[in-house]
C-alpha atoms as a PDB file:
ATOM      1  CA  MET A   1     130.785 101.107 142.479  1.00  0.00           C
ATOM      2  CA  PHE A   2     129.090 102.158 139.253  1.00  0.00           C
ATOM      3  CA  THR A   3     128.262 105.748 138.440  1.00  0.00           C
ATOM      4  CA  ALA A   4     125.304 106.709 136.294  1.00  0.00           C
ATOM      5  CA  LEU A   5     126.252 107.898 132.833  1.00  0.00           C
ATOM      6  CA  LYS A   6     124.705 111.192 131.808  1.00  0.00           C
ATOM      7  CA  PRO A   7     123.638 111.235 128.171  1.00  0.00           C
ATOM      8  CA  SER A   8     125.291 113.951 126.124  1.00  0.00           C
ATOM      9  CA  ARG A   9     123.298 116.633 124.362  1.00  0.00           C
ATOM     10  CA  PHE A  10     124.397 115.115 121.059  1.00  0.00           C
ATOM     11  CA  ALA A  11     122.990 111.710 122.026  1.00  0.00           C
ATOM     12  CA  LEU A  12     119.688 113.246 123.144  1.00  0.00           C
ATOM     13  CA  ALA A  13     119.447 115.231 119.909  1.00  0.00           C
ATOM     14  CA  ALA A  14     120.199 112.101 117.859  1.00  0.00           C
ATOM     15  CA  VAL A  15     117.474 110.144 119.664  1.00  0.00           C
ATOM     16  CA  ALA A  16     114.974 112.986 119.225  1.00  0.00           C
ATOM     17  CA  LEU A  17     115.836 113.287 115.503  1.00  0.00           C
ATOM     18  CA  THR A  18     115.461 109.536 115.009  1.00  0.00           C
ATOM     19  CA  LEU A  19     112.050 109.497 116.720  1.00  0.00           C
ATOM     20  CA  ALA A  20     110.910 112.565 114.770  1.00  0.00           C
ATOM     21  CA  SER A  21     112.044 111.117 111.429  1.00  0.00           C
ATOM     22  CA  GLY A  22     110.256 107.873 112.218  1.00  0.00           C
ATOM     23  CA  ALA A  23     107.080 109.769 113.045  1.00  0.00           C
ATOM     24  CA  TYR A  24     107.400 111.788 109.817  1.00  0.00           C
ATOM     25  CA  ALA A  25     107.990 108.610 107.791  1.00  0.00           C
ATOM     26  CA  ASP A  26     104.840 107.055 109.259  1.00  0.00           C
ATOM     27  CA  ARG A  27     102.845 110.221 108.605  1.00  0.00           C
ATOM     28  CA  GLY A  28     104.321 110.599 105.113  1.00  0.00           C
ATOM     29  CA  ALA A  29     103.444 106.991 104.308  1.00  0.00           C
ATOM     30  CA  ALA A  30      99.859 107.594 105.452  1.00  0.00           C
ATOM     31  CA  TYR A  31      99.502 110.707 103.300  1.00  0.00           C
ATOM     32  CA  LYS A  32     101.163 108.927 100.360  1.00  0.00           C
ATOM     33  CA  SER A  33      98.656 106.071 100.516  1.00  0.00           C
ATOM     34  CA  THR A  34      95.843 108.655 100.603  1.00  0.00           C
ATOM     35  CA  TYR A  35      96.890 111.024  97.799  1.00  0.00           C
ATOM     36  CA  VAL A  36      99.618 109.496  95.573  1.00  0.00           C
ATOM     37  CA  SER A  37      97.469 107.532  93.144  1.00  0.00           C
ATOM     38  CA  TYR A  38      98.269 106.074  89.721  1.00  0.00           C
ATOM     39  CA  ASN A  39      94.562 106.107  88.872  1.00  0.00           C
ATOM     40  CA  HIS A  40      93.950 109.744  88.016  1.00  0.00           C
ATOM     41  CA  ALA A  41      92.919 112.207  85.311  1.00  0.00           C
ATOM     42  CA  GLY A  42      93.660 115.900  85.003  1.00  0.00           C
ATOM     43  CA  VAL A  43      93.351 119.006  82.882  1.00  0.00           C
ATOM     44  CA  GLN A  44      95.667 122.032  82.774  1.00  0.00           C
ATOM     45  CA  TYR A  45      96.015 125.393  81.076  1.00  0.00           C
ATOM     46  CA  VAL A  46      99.490 125.465  79.504  1.00  0.00           C
ATOM     47  CA  HIS A  47     101.762 128.337  78.461  1.00  0.00           C
ATOM     48  CA  GLN A  48     104.794 127.350  76.355  1.00  0.00           C
ATOM     49  CA  ARG A  49     107.780 129.252  75.021  1.00  0.00           C
ATOM     50  CA  LEU A  50     109.689 127.615  72.134  1.00  0.00           C
ATOM     51  CA  ASP A  51     112.978 129.478  71.734  1.00  0.00           C
ATOM     52  CA  ASP A  52     113.962 127.977  68.351  1.00  0.00           C
ATOM     53  CA  TYR A  53     110.704 129.131  66.745  1.00  0.00           C
ATOM     54  CA  HIS A  54     110.217 132.316  68.811  1.00  0.00           C
ATOM     55  CA  CYS A  55     106.785 130.992  69.753  1.00  0.00           C
ATOM     56  CA  ASN A  56     104.642 131.846  72.739  1.00  0.00           C
ATOM     57  CA  GLN A  57     101.660 129.510  72.708  1.00  0.00           C
ATOM     58  CA  ASN A  58      98.819 128.626  75.061  1.00  0.00           C
ATOM     59  CA  GLY A  59      96.226 125.908  75.308  1.00  0.00           C
ATOM     60  CA  LEU A  60      94.924 122.902  77.194  1.00  0.00           C
ATOM     61  CA  ARG A  61      96.405 119.580  78.254  1.00  0.00           C
ATOM     62  CA  ALA A  62      94.359 116.561  79.324  1.00  0.00           C
ATOM     63  CA  TYR A  63      96.230 113.636  80.846  1.00  0.00           C
ATOM     64  CA  GLY A  64      95.703 110.465  82.815  1.00  0.00           C
ATOM     65  CA  SER A  65      97.234 107.434  84.472  1.00  0.00           C
ATOM     66  CA  LEU A  66      95.780 103.952  85.040  1.00  0.00           C
ATOM     67  CA  ASP A  67      97.182 101.401  87.491  1.00  0.00           C
ATOM     68  CA  ILE A  68      97.671  97.998  85.839  1.00  0.00           C
ATOM     69  CA  ASP A  69      98.979  95.648  88.537  1.00  0.00           C
ATOM     70  CA  GLY A  70     100.377  97.633  91.447  1.00  0.00           C
ATOM     71  CA  ASN A  71     103.778  98.431  89.914  1.00  0.00           C
ATOM     72  CA  TRP A  72     102.992  98.853  86.207  1.00  0.00           C
ATOM     73  CA  TYR A  73     100.705 101.632  85.002  1.00  0.00           C
ATOM     74  CA  GLY A  74      99.616 103.251  81.742  1.00  0.00           C
ATOM     75  CA  VAL A  75      99.942 106.963  80.914  1.00  0.00           C
ATOM     76  CA  GLY A  76      98.505 109.199  78.217  1.00  0.00           C
ATOM     77  CA  SER A  77      98.040 112.862  77.341  1.00  0.00           C
ATOM     78  CA  VAL A  78      96.670 115.237  74.702  1.00  0.00           C
ATOM     79  CA  THR A  79      98.035 118.794  74.428  1.00  0.00           C
ATOM     80  CA  ASP A  80      96.571 121.393  72.056  1.00  0.00           C
ATOM     81  CA  VAL A  81      98.234 124.816  71.968  1.00  0.00           C
ATOM     82  CA  SER A  82      98.064 127.783  69.614  1.00  0.00           C
ATOM     83  CA  GLY A  83      99.828 131.097  69.203  1.00  0.00           C
ATOM     84  CA  SER A  84     100.580 133.897  66.785  1.00  0.00           C
ATOM     85  CA  TRP A  85     102.136 133.521  63.337  1.00  0.00           C
ATOM     86  CA  LEU A  86     103.528 129.983  62.744  1.00  0.00           C
ATOM     87  CA  CYS A  87     102.928 128.690  66.270  1.00  0.00           C
ATOM     88  CA  GLY A  88     100.579 125.998  67.539  1.00  0.00           C
ATOM     89  CA  SER A  89     100.488 122.216  67.631  1.00  0.00           C
ATOM     90  CA  THR A  90      98.631 119.129  68.848  1.00  0.00           C
ATOM     91  CA  THR A  91     100.597 116.438  70.690  1.00  0.00           C
ATOM     92  CA  LEU A  92      99.398 112.942  71.590  1.00  0.00           C
ATOM     93  CA  ALA A  93     101.399 110.684  73.918  1.00  0.00           C
ATOM     94  CA  ALA A  94     100.748 107.204  75.322  1.00  0.00           C
ATOM     95  CA  GLY A  95     102.918 104.683  77.123  1.00  0.00           C
ATOM     96  CA  ALA A  96     103.610 102.690  80.256  1.00  0.00           C
ATOM     97  CA  GLY A  97     105.486 103.198  83.492  1.00  0.00           C
ATOM     98  CA  TYR A  98     106.929 101.190  86.357  1.00  0.00           C
ATOM     99  CA  ARG A  99     107.148 102.400  89.948  1.00  0.00           C
ATOM    100  CA  THR A 100     108.781 101.201  93.150  1.00  0.00           C
ATOM    101  CA  ALA A 101     108.965 102.573  96.678  1.00  0.00           C
ATOM    102  CA  PHE A 102     111.917 104.908  97.209  1.00  0.00           C
ATOM    103  CA  SER A 103     111.010 105.729 100.806  1.00  0.00           C
ATOM    104  CA  PRO A 104     107.845 105.613 102.937  1.00  0.00           C
ATOM    105  CA  SER A 105     106.804 108.955 101.406  1.00  0.00           C
ATOM    106  CA  PHE A 106     108.167 108.787  97.835  1.00  0.00           C
ATOM    107  CA  ASP A 107     108.041 106.547  94.760  1.00  0.00           C
ATOM    108  CA  LEU A 108     110.772 106.207  92.150  1.00  0.00           C
ATOM    109  CA  TYR A 109     109.388 105.664  88.629  1.00  0.00           C
ATOM    110  CA  GLY A 110     110.278 105.395  84.971  1.00  0.00           C
ATOM    111  CA  THR A 111     108.087 105.711  81.867  1.00  0.00           C
ATOM    112  CA  LEU A 112     108.453 105.053  78.144  1.00  0.00           C
ATOM    113  CA  SER A 113     105.912 106.629  75.793  1.00  0.00           C
ATOM    114  CA  ALA A 114     105.316 107.188  72.100  1.00  0.00           C
ATOM    115  CA  GLU A 115     104.726 110.829  71.143  1.00  0.00           C
ATOM    116  CA  HIS A 116     103.235 112.344  67.979  1.00  0.00           C
ATOM    117  CA  THR A 117     103.269 116.105  67.390  1.00  0.00           C
ATOM    118  CA  SER A 118     101.359 117.798  64.544  1.00  0.00           C
ATOM    119  CA  PRO A 119     102.279 121.490  64.187  1.00  0.00           C
ATOM    120  CA  ASP A 120      99.629 123.818  62.822  1.00  0.00           C
ATOM    121  CA  TYR A 121     102.225 124.773  60.195  1.00  0.00           C
ATOM    122  CA  GLY A 122     104.862 122.325  58.948  1.00  0.00           C
ATOM    123  CA  SER A 123     105.495 118.593  59.089  1.00  0.00           C
ATOM    124  CA  SER A 124     104.546 116.331  61.968  1.00  0.00           C
ATOM    125  CA  ASP A 125     106.958 114.033  63.799  1.00  0.00           C
ATOM    126  CA  THR A 126     106.747 110.895  65.930  1.00  0.00           C
ATOM    127  CA  GLY A 127     109.224 109.754  68.562  1.00  0.00           C
ATOM    128  CA  LEU A 128     109.717 108.488  72.080  1.00  0.00           C
ATOM    129  CA  ILE A 129     109.747 109.995  75.566  1.00  0.00           C
ATOM    130  CA  ALA A 130     111.898 108.234  78.183  1.00  0.00           C
ATOM    131  CA  SER A 131     111.640 109.618  81.703  1.00  0.00           C
ATOM    132  CA  VAL A 132     112.720 108.856  85.240  1.00  0.00           C
ATOM    133  CA  GLY A 133     111.502 110.668  88.328  1.00  0.00           C
ATOM    134  CA  ILE A 134     110.430 110.723  91.922  1.00  0.00           C
ATOM    135  CA  ARG A 135     107.039 111.699  93.357  1.00  0.00           C
ATOM    136  CA  GLY A 136     105.529 111.682  96.802  1.00  0.00           C
ATOM    137  CA  ILE A 137     104.422 113.668  99.813  1.00  0.00           C
ATOM    138  CA  ILE A 138     106.423 116.780 100.667  1.00  0.00           C
ATOM    139  CA  ASP A 139     104.267 117.821 103.624  1.00  0.00           C
ATOM    140  CA  ASN A 140     100.810 116.728 104.739  1.00  0.00           C
ATOM    141  CA  ASN A 141      98.567 117.007 101.652  1.00  0.00           C
ATOM    142  CA  ILE A 142     101.182 118.549  99.322  1.00  0.00           C
ATOM    143  CA  GLU A 143     102.529 116.174  96.665  1.00  0.00           C
ATOM    144  CA  GLY A 144     105.669 116.955  94.689  1.00  0.00           C
ATOM    145  CA  LYS A 145     107.394 115.578  91.600  1.00  0.00           C
ATOM    146  CA  ALA A 146     110.811 115.945  89.965  1.00  0.00           C
ATOM    147  CA  GLU A 147     111.513 114.246  86.624  1.00  0.00           C
ATOM    148  CA  ILE A 148     114.044 114.140  83.806  1.00  0.00           C
ATOM    149  CA  ALA A 149     112.496 113.358  80.395  1.00  0.00           C
ATOM    150  CA  HIS A 150     114.218 112.870  77.030  1.00  0.00           C
ATOM    151  CA  HIS A 151     112.151 113.523  73.871  1.00  0.00           C
ATOM    152  CA  THR A 152     113.263 112.275  70.445  1.00  0.00           C
ATOM    153  CA  THR A 153     110.711 114.192  68.346  1.00  0.00           C
ATOM    154  CA  PHE A 154     112.075 116.969  66.098  1.00  0.00           C
ATOM    155  CA  LYS A 155     115.319 117.982  67.770  1.00  0.00           C
ATOM    156  CA  ASN A 156     116.283 115.620  70.598  1.00  0.00           C
ATOM    157  CA  THR A 157     115.801 117.467  73.871  1.00  0.00           C
ATOM    158  CA  THR A 158     116.078 116.685  77.563  1.00  0.00           C
ATOM    159  CA  VAL A 159     113.690 118.434  79.920  1.00  0.00           C
ATOM    160  CA  LEU A 160     113.467 118.897  83.685  1.00  0.00           C
ATOM    161  CA  ASN A 161     109.851 118.619  84.838  1.00  0.00           C
ATOM    162  CA  LEU A 162     108.804 119.851  88.287  1.00  0.00           C
ATOM    163  CA  GLY A 163     105.335 119.698  89.767  1.00  0.00           C
ATOM    164  CA  ALA A 164     103.280 120.186  92.910  1.00  0.00           C
ATOM    165  CA  ASN A 165      99.724 119.229  93.828  1.00  0.00           C
ATOM    166  CA  TYR A 166      97.677 120.582  96.718  1.00  0.00           C
ATOM    167  CA  TRP A 167      95.061 118.015  97.707  1.00  0.00           C
ATOM    168  CA  PHE A 168      91.768 119.495  98.939  1.00  0.00           C
ATOM    169  CA  SER A 169      90.370 115.995  99.483  1.00  0.00           C
ATOM    170  CA  ARG A 170      91.233 112.378  98.690  1.00  0.00           C
ATOM    171  CA  SER A 171      90.080 112.919  95.099  1.00  0.00           C
ATOM    172  CA  LEU A 172      90.616 116.581  94.114  1.00  0.00           C
ATOM    173  CA  ALA A 173      93.842 118.603  93.825  1.00  0.00           C
ATOM    174  CA  ALA A 174      95.067 121.890  92.349  1.00  0.00           C
ATOM    175  CA  THR A 175      98.185 121.339  90.226  1.00  0.00           C
ATOM    176  CA  VAL A 176     101.149 123.454  89.089  1.00  0.00           C
ATOM    177  CA  ASP A 177     103.847 122.135  86.732  1.00  0.00           C
ATOM    178  CA  ALA A 178     106.934 123.651  85.102  1.00  0.00           C
ATOM    179  CA  SER A 179     109.226 122.277  82.373  1.00  0.00           C
ATOM    180  CA  LEU A 180     112.703 123.606  81.639  1.00  0.00           C
ATOM    181  CA  GLY A 181     114.625 122.500  78.546  1.00  0.00           C
ATOM    182  CA  SER A 182     117.300 123.662  76.137  1.00  0.00           C
ATOM    183  CA  ASN A 183     114.700 124.581  73.498  1.00  0.00           C
ATOM    184  CA  GLY A 184     112.199 126.367  75.722  1.00  0.00           C
ATOM    185  CA  HIS A 185     110.075 126.188  78.832  1.00  0.00           C
ATOM    186  CA  SER A 186     106.463 125.860  79.919  1.00  0.00           C
ATOM    187  CA  ILE A 187     104.250 126.365  82.944  1.00  0.00           C
ATOM    188  CA  ALA A 188     100.853 124.801  83.551  1.00  0.00           C
ATOM    189  CA  ALA A 189      98.107 124.988  86.180  1.00  0.00           C
ATOM    190  CA  GLY A 190      94.923 123.023  86.599  1.00  0.00           C
ATOM    191  CA  ALA A 191      93.176 120.257  88.516  1.00  0.00           C
ATOM    192  CA  ARG A 192      93.651 116.503  89.053  1.00  0.00           C
ATOM    193  CA  PHE A 193      91.079 113.901  90.070  1.00  0.00           C
ATOM    194  CA  ASN A 194      91.894 110.544  91.667  1.00  0.00           C
ATOM    195  CA  PHE A 195      89.491 107.705  90.915  1.00  0.00           C
END
């Protein structure tokens, strides 16, 4: 004679967690397809602190991304900041990136860009930016990003870039970004438009 086996609380919790994670993955994938676009343009107000030069500088950054074939995409940005005394610069950057799915909600990506910085005082420099990061949906219409970027201009520096976007609609988001490096830090806020 067989007796019915009673499922343990652990087994029930494991089943519930599996179903919930599957539902979240499906929902995250839906939000990702809605908001995480590689066809976008944005503008931000930037505040930077350069420790080596004792500079506090502020200005605007315009940036964009253009999907090329589904995995490859182009990137570009212009940043113009100014400050007191010997502070201030204009930086142009352009390059290409490659992305692949990391999970239903997140993409893993890498970019390689050329960067040219012209200080308001002093000599300009040109170099490369190599970065690797992850971006995707944290919750509902909130997109997040974490990235490590290495810059070869002036003194070689490696920077941690963090960002979050709150999407009001399929095409408009408020953005906040922060960069932390050995030579300084920055914070930026603005808007992004998907197209």
